[in-house]
Amino acid sequence: MLRNEFVVPGRRAYDVSFIDDAWAPGTTADIVADPNINPNDPAQVVVARGVPVRAGVNRFRWDGSGLAPGAYHLRVVLWRDGVAAGSYSF
């Protein structure tokens, strides 16, 4: 999925790819759709929580469900030992 791509729920699936450069066992990811690149905005929607992360390229397939049609930036938040690190699609 490209940054700020227009999403139409149920029309097609979107592949979200990300890499954890400092991978360690037990890492999970939350996938967040954000309409305006503001991590504090209540308009963002968590589309997946606790996705297992492995070394190398990780992929999550999302069908757009849970959102109204529109353009979104995706943010991946990696979690390990209670510490989070996130990054937006650009």
N, C-alpha and C. Protein backbone atom coordinates (compact mmCIF):
# COMPACT_ATOMS: atom_id res chain seq x y z
N MET A 1 0.84 -1.17 0.00
CA MET A 1 0.00 0.00 0.00
C MET A 1 0.88 1.23 0.00
N LEU A 2 0.54 2.17 -0.82
CA LEU A 2 1.30 3.41 -0.89
C LEU A 2 0.80 4.40 0.15
N ARG A 3 1.64 5.34 0.49
CA ARG A 3 1.24 6.36 1.44
C ARG A 3 0.02 7.12 0.93
N ASN A 4 -0.84 7.44 1.83
CA ASN A 4 -2.00 8.26 1.54
C ASN A 4 -2.82 7.71 0.38
N GLU A 5 -2.85 6.42 0.22
CA GLU A 5 -3.62 5.79 -0.85
C GLU A 5 -5.10 5.83 -0.50
N PHE A 6 -5.94 6.04 -1.52
CA PHE A 6 -7.38 6.07 -1.30
C PHE A 6 -7.86 4.65 -1.04
N VAL A 7 -8.55 4.46 0.07
CA VAL A 7 -9.02 3.14 0.49
C VAL A 7 -10.52 3.04 0.27
N VAL A 8 -10.94 1.97 -0.35
CA VAL A 8 -12.36 1.67 -0.49
C VAL A 8 -12.59 0.31 0.17
N PRO A 9 -13.14 0.30 1.38
CA PRO A 9 -13.33 -0.96 2.10
C PRO A 9 -14.09 -2.00 1.28
N GLY A 10 -13.57 -3.22 1.30
CA GLY A 10 -14.22 -4.32 0.61
C GLY A 10 -13.98 -4.41 -0.88
N ARG A 11 -13.37 -3.39 -1.47
CA ARG A 11 -13.14 -3.42 -2.92
C ARG A 11 -11.92 -4.24 -3.29
N ARG A 12 -10.85 -4.15 -2.50
CA ARG A 12 -9.64 -4.93 -2.75
C ARG A 12 -8.83 -5.02 -1.46
N ALA A 13 -7.83 -5.87 -1.48
CA ALA A 13 -6.95 -6.02 -0.32
C ALA A 13 -5.70 -5.18 -0.53
N TYR A 14 -5.14 -4.72 0.57
CA TYR A 14 -3.93 -3.90 0.55
C TYR A 14 -2.85 -4.63 1.33
N ASP A 15 -1.65 -4.70 0.77
CA ASP A 15 -0.53 -5.32 1.47
C ASP A 15 0.28 -4.24 2.18
N VAL A 16 0.43 -4.41 3.47
CA VAL A 16 1.24 -3.51 4.28
C VAL A 16 2.54 -4.24 4.56
N SER A 17 3.67 -3.70 4.08
CA SER A 17 4.98 -4.31 4.28
C SER A 17 5.82 -3.42 5.19
N PHE A 18 6.57 -4.06 6.08
CA PHE A 18 7.44 -3.30 6.98
C PHE A 18 8.60 -4.18 7.42
N ILE A 19 9.67 -3.54 7.87
CA ILE A 19 10.87 -4.24 8.34
C ILE A 19 11.20 -3.75 9.74
N ASP A 20 11.53 -4.68 10.62
CA ASP A 20 12.03 -4.34 11.95
C ASP A 20 13.54 -4.55 11.90
N ASP A 21 14.30 -3.45 11.82
CA ASP A 21 15.76 -3.53 11.70
C ASP A 21 16.45 -4.01 12.97
N ALA A 22 15.72 -4.02 14.09
CA ALA A 22 16.32 -4.46 15.35
C ALA A 22 15.47 -5.59 15.94
N TRP A 23 15.08 -6.52 15.10
CA TRP A 23 14.15 -7.58 15.50
C TRP A 23 14.70 -8.41 16.66
N ALA A 24 13.77 -8.82 17.52
CA ALA A 24 14.05 -9.77 18.60
C ALA A 24 12.78 -10.56 18.84
N PRO A 25 12.90 -11.78 19.35
CA PRO A 25 11.71 -12.58 19.61
C PRO A 25 10.72 -11.85 20.52
N GLY A 26 9.44 -12.06 20.26
CA GLY A 26 8.39 -11.45 21.07
C GLY A 26 7.90 -10.12 20.55
N THR A 27 8.47 -9.62 19.46
CA THR A 27 8.04 -8.35 18.89
C THR A 27 6.68 -8.52 18.21
N THR A 28 5.79 -7.56 18.44
CA THR A 28 4.50 -7.53 17.76
C THR A 28 4.30 -6.16 17.13
N ALA A 29 3.33 -6.07 16.24
CA ALA A 29 3.07 -4.81 15.55
C ALA A 29 1.59 -4.46 15.62
N ASP A 30 1.32 -3.17 15.76
CA ASP A 30 -0.02 -2.63 15.58
C ASP A 30 0.00 -1.87 14.26
N ILE A 31 -1.05 -2.00 13.47
CA ILE A 31 -1.16 -1.29 12.19
C ILE A 31 -2.26 -0.24 12.38
N VAL A 32 -1.93 1.02 12.11
CA VAL A 32 -2.84 2.13 12.35
C VAL A 32 -3.06 2.90 11.05
N ALA A 33 -4.31 3.22 10.75
CA ALA A 33 -4.64 4.08 9.60
C ALA A 33 -4.92 5.48 10.14
N ASP A 34 -4.22 6.45 9.61
CA ASP A 34 -4.31 7.83 10.10
C ASP A 34 -4.59 8.76 8.92
N PRO A 35 -5.64 9.56 8.99
CA PRO A 35 -5.96 10.43 7.86
C PRO A 35 -5.04 11.64 7.71
N ASN A 36 -4.23 11.96 8.73
CA ASN A 36 -3.48 13.22 8.64
C ASN A 36 -2.10 13.22 9.30
N ILE A 37 -1.49 12.08 9.49
CA ILE A 37 -0.13 11.97 10.05
C ILE A 37 0.00 12.68 11.40
N ASN A 38 -0.97 12.44 12.27
CA ASN A 38 -0.92 12.98 13.62
C ASN A 38 -1.20 11.84 14.58
N PRO A 39 -0.16 11.31 15.24
CA PRO A 39 -0.36 10.14 16.11
C PRO A 39 -1.27 10.41 17.31
N ASN A 40 -1.58 11.67 17.59
CA ASN A 40 -2.46 12.02 18.71
C ASN A 40 -3.89 12.30 18.28
N ASP A 41 -4.18 12.18 16.99
CA ASP A 41 -5.49 12.49 16.45
C ASP A 41 -6.47 11.35 16.76
N PRO A 42 -7.62 11.64 17.34
CA PRO A 42 -8.59 10.59 17.62
C PRO A 42 -9.22 9.98 16.36
N ALA A 43 -8.98 10.58 15.19
CA ALA A 43 -9.53 10.05 13.94
C ALA A 43 -8.78 8.82 13.44
N GLN A 44 -7.60 8.54 14.00
CA GLN A 44 -6.85 7.35 13.55
C GLN A 44 -7.56 6.10 14.04
N VAL A 45 -7.38 5.00 13.28
CA VAL A 45 -8.05 3.75 13.59
C VAL A 45 -7.01 2.62 13.60
N VAL A 46 -6.99 1.84 14.67
CA VAL A 46 -6.13 0.66 14.72
C VAL A 46 -6.82 -0.42 13.91
N VAL A 47 -6.18 -0.86 12.82
CA VAL A 47 -6.78 -1.89 11.96
C VAL A 47 -6.29 -3.29 12.30
N ALA A 48 -5.19 -3.39 13.04
CA ALA A 48 -4.69 -4.69 13.51
C ALA A 48 -3.85 -4.45 14.75
N ARG A 49 -3.96 -5.35 15.70
CA ARG A 49 -3.21 -5.22 16.95
C ARG A 49 -2.54 -6.56 17.27
N GLY A 50 -1.27 -6.49 17.71
CA GLY A 50 -0.58 -7.71 18.14
C GLY A 50 -0.17 -8.64 17.02
N VAL A 51 0.11 -8.09 15.83
CA VAL A 51 0.55 -8.91 14.70
C VAL A 51 1.96 -9.43 14.99
N PRO A 52 2.20 -10.74 14.96
CA PRO A 52 3.54 -11.26 15.21
C PRO A 52 4.54 -10.75 14.16
N VAL A 53 5.72 -10.37 14.63
CA VAL A 53 6.77 -9.85 13.76
C VAL A 53 7.92 -10.86 13.71
N ARG A 54 8.47 -11.04 12.52
CA ARG A 54 9.63 -11.92 12.35
C ARG A 54 10.76 -11.12 11.74
N ALA A 55 11.95 -11.68 11.73
CA ALA A 55 13.10 -11.01 11.12
C ALA A 55 12.84 -10.85 9.62
N GLY A 56 13.32 -9.76 9.04
CA GLY A 56 13.15 -9.53 7.61
C GLY A 56 11.88 -8.76 7.31
N VAL A 57 11.42 -8.90 6.07
CA VAL A 57 10.22 -8.19 5.62
C VAL A 57 8.98 -8.88 6.19
N ASN A 58 8.11 -8.08 6.75
CA ASN A 58 6.83 -8.56 7.28
C ASN A 58 5.72 -8.00 6.43
N ARG A 59 4.66 -8.78 6.26
CA ARG A 59 3.52 -8.33 5.46
C ARG A 59 2.22 -8.60 6.22
N PHE A 60 1.33 -7.63 6.10
CA PHE A 60 0.00 -7.77 6.66
C PHE A 60 -0.98 -7.43 5.56
N ARG A 61 -1.94 -8.29 5.30
CA ARG A 61 -2.95 -8.04 4.27
C ARG A 61 -4.20 -7.50 4.95
N TRP A 62 -4.67 -6.36 4.44
CA TRP A 62 -5.81 -5.65 5.02
C TRP A 62 -6.81 -5.35 3.93
N ASP A 63 -8.09 -5.57 4.22
CA ASP A 63 -9.13 -5.36 3.21
C ASP A 63 -9.82 -4.01 3.31
N GLY A 64 -9.30 -3.12 4.14
CA GLY A 64 -9.88 -1.78 4.26
C GLY A 64 -11.02 -1.71 5.26
N SER A 65 -11.38 -2.84 5.84
CA SER A 65 -12.52 -2.84 6.76
C SER A 65 -12.22 -1.98 7.99
N GLY A 66 -13.29 -1.43 8.55
CA GLY A 66 -13.17 -0.61 9.74
C GLY A 66 -13.01 0.87 9.45
N LEU A 67 -12.91 1.24 8.18
CA LEU A 67 -12.73 2.65 7.82
C LEU A 67 -13.74 3.09 6.78
N ALA A 68 -14.01 4.38 6.78
CA ALA A 68 -14.80 4.97 5.71
C ALA A 68 -13.90 5.13 4.48
N PRO A 69 -14.46 5.15 3.27
CA PRO A 69 -13.63 5.41 2.10
C PRO A 69 -12.87 6.72 2.28
N GLY A 70 -11.61 6.73 1.90
CA GLY A 70 -10.80 7.93 2.03
C GLY A 70 -9.33 7.61 1.94
N ALA A 71 -8.51 8.66 2.05
CA ALA A 71 -7.06 8.51 1.96
C ALA A 71 -6.48 8.43 3.36
N TYR A 72 -5.56 7.48 3.57
CA TYR A 72 -4.97 7.26 4.89
C TYR A 72 -3.47 7.03 4.77
N HIS A 73 -2.75 7.49 5.79
CA HIS A 73 -1.35 7.12 5.96
C HIS A 73 -1.33 5.97 6.96
N LEU A 74 -0.54 4.95 6.68
CA LEU A 74 -0.45 3.84 7.61
C LEU A 74 0.75 4.04 8.52
N ARG A 75 0.56 3.67 9.78
CA ARG A 75 1.64 3.73 10.76
C ARG A 75 1.77 2.34 11.36
N VAL A 76 2.98 1.86 11.43
CA VAL A 76 3.27 0.58 12.08
C VAL A 76 3.94 0.89 13.41
N VAL A 77 3.38 0.35 14.47
CA VAL A 77 3.95 0.54 15.80
C VAL A 77 4.45 -0.83 16.27
N LEU A 78 5.76 -0.93 16.45
CA LEU A 78 6.37 -2.18 16.92
C LEU A 78 6.46 -2.16 18.44
N TRP A 79 6.11 -3.29 19.06
CA TRP A 79 6.12 -3.42 20.51
C TRP A 79 7.03 -4.54 20.94
N ARG A 80 7.84 -4.26 21.95
CA ARG A 80 8.67 -5.31 22.56
C ARG A 80 8.97 -4.91 24.00
N ASP A 81 8.69 -5.79 24.91
CA ASP A 81 8.94 -5.56 26.33
C ASP A 81 8.29 -4.26 26.83
N GLY A 82 7.10 -3.95 26.34
CA GLY A 82 6.37 -2.76 26.78
C GLY A 82 6.84 -1.45 26.18
N VAL A 83 7.79 -1.50 25.26
CA VAL A 83 8.33 -0.29 24.61
C VAL A 83 7.84 -0.26 23.16
N ALA A 84 7.41 0.91 22.72
CA ALA A 84 6.88 1.05 21.36
C ALA A 84 7.78 1.94 20.51
N ALA A 85 7.85 1.61 19.21
CA ALA A 85 8.54 2.45 18.21
C ALA A 85 7.67 2.40 16.96
N GLY A 86 7.33 3.57 16.43
CA GLY A 86 6.44 3.61 15.27
C GLY A 86 6.99 4.42 14.13
N SER A 87 6.43 4.16 12.95
CA SER A 87 6.84 4.88 11.76
C SER A 87 5.67 4.93 10.77
N TYR A 88 5.54 6.07 10.09
CA TYR A 88 4.51 6.25 9.07
C TYR A 88 4.99 5.80 7.70
N SER A 89 4.03 5.50 6.85
CA SER A 89 4.34 5.25 5.43
C SER A 89 4.55 6.62 4.77
N PHE A 90 5.65 6.76 4.07
CA PHE A 90 5.95 8.01 3.36
C PHE A 90 6.40 7.70 1.96
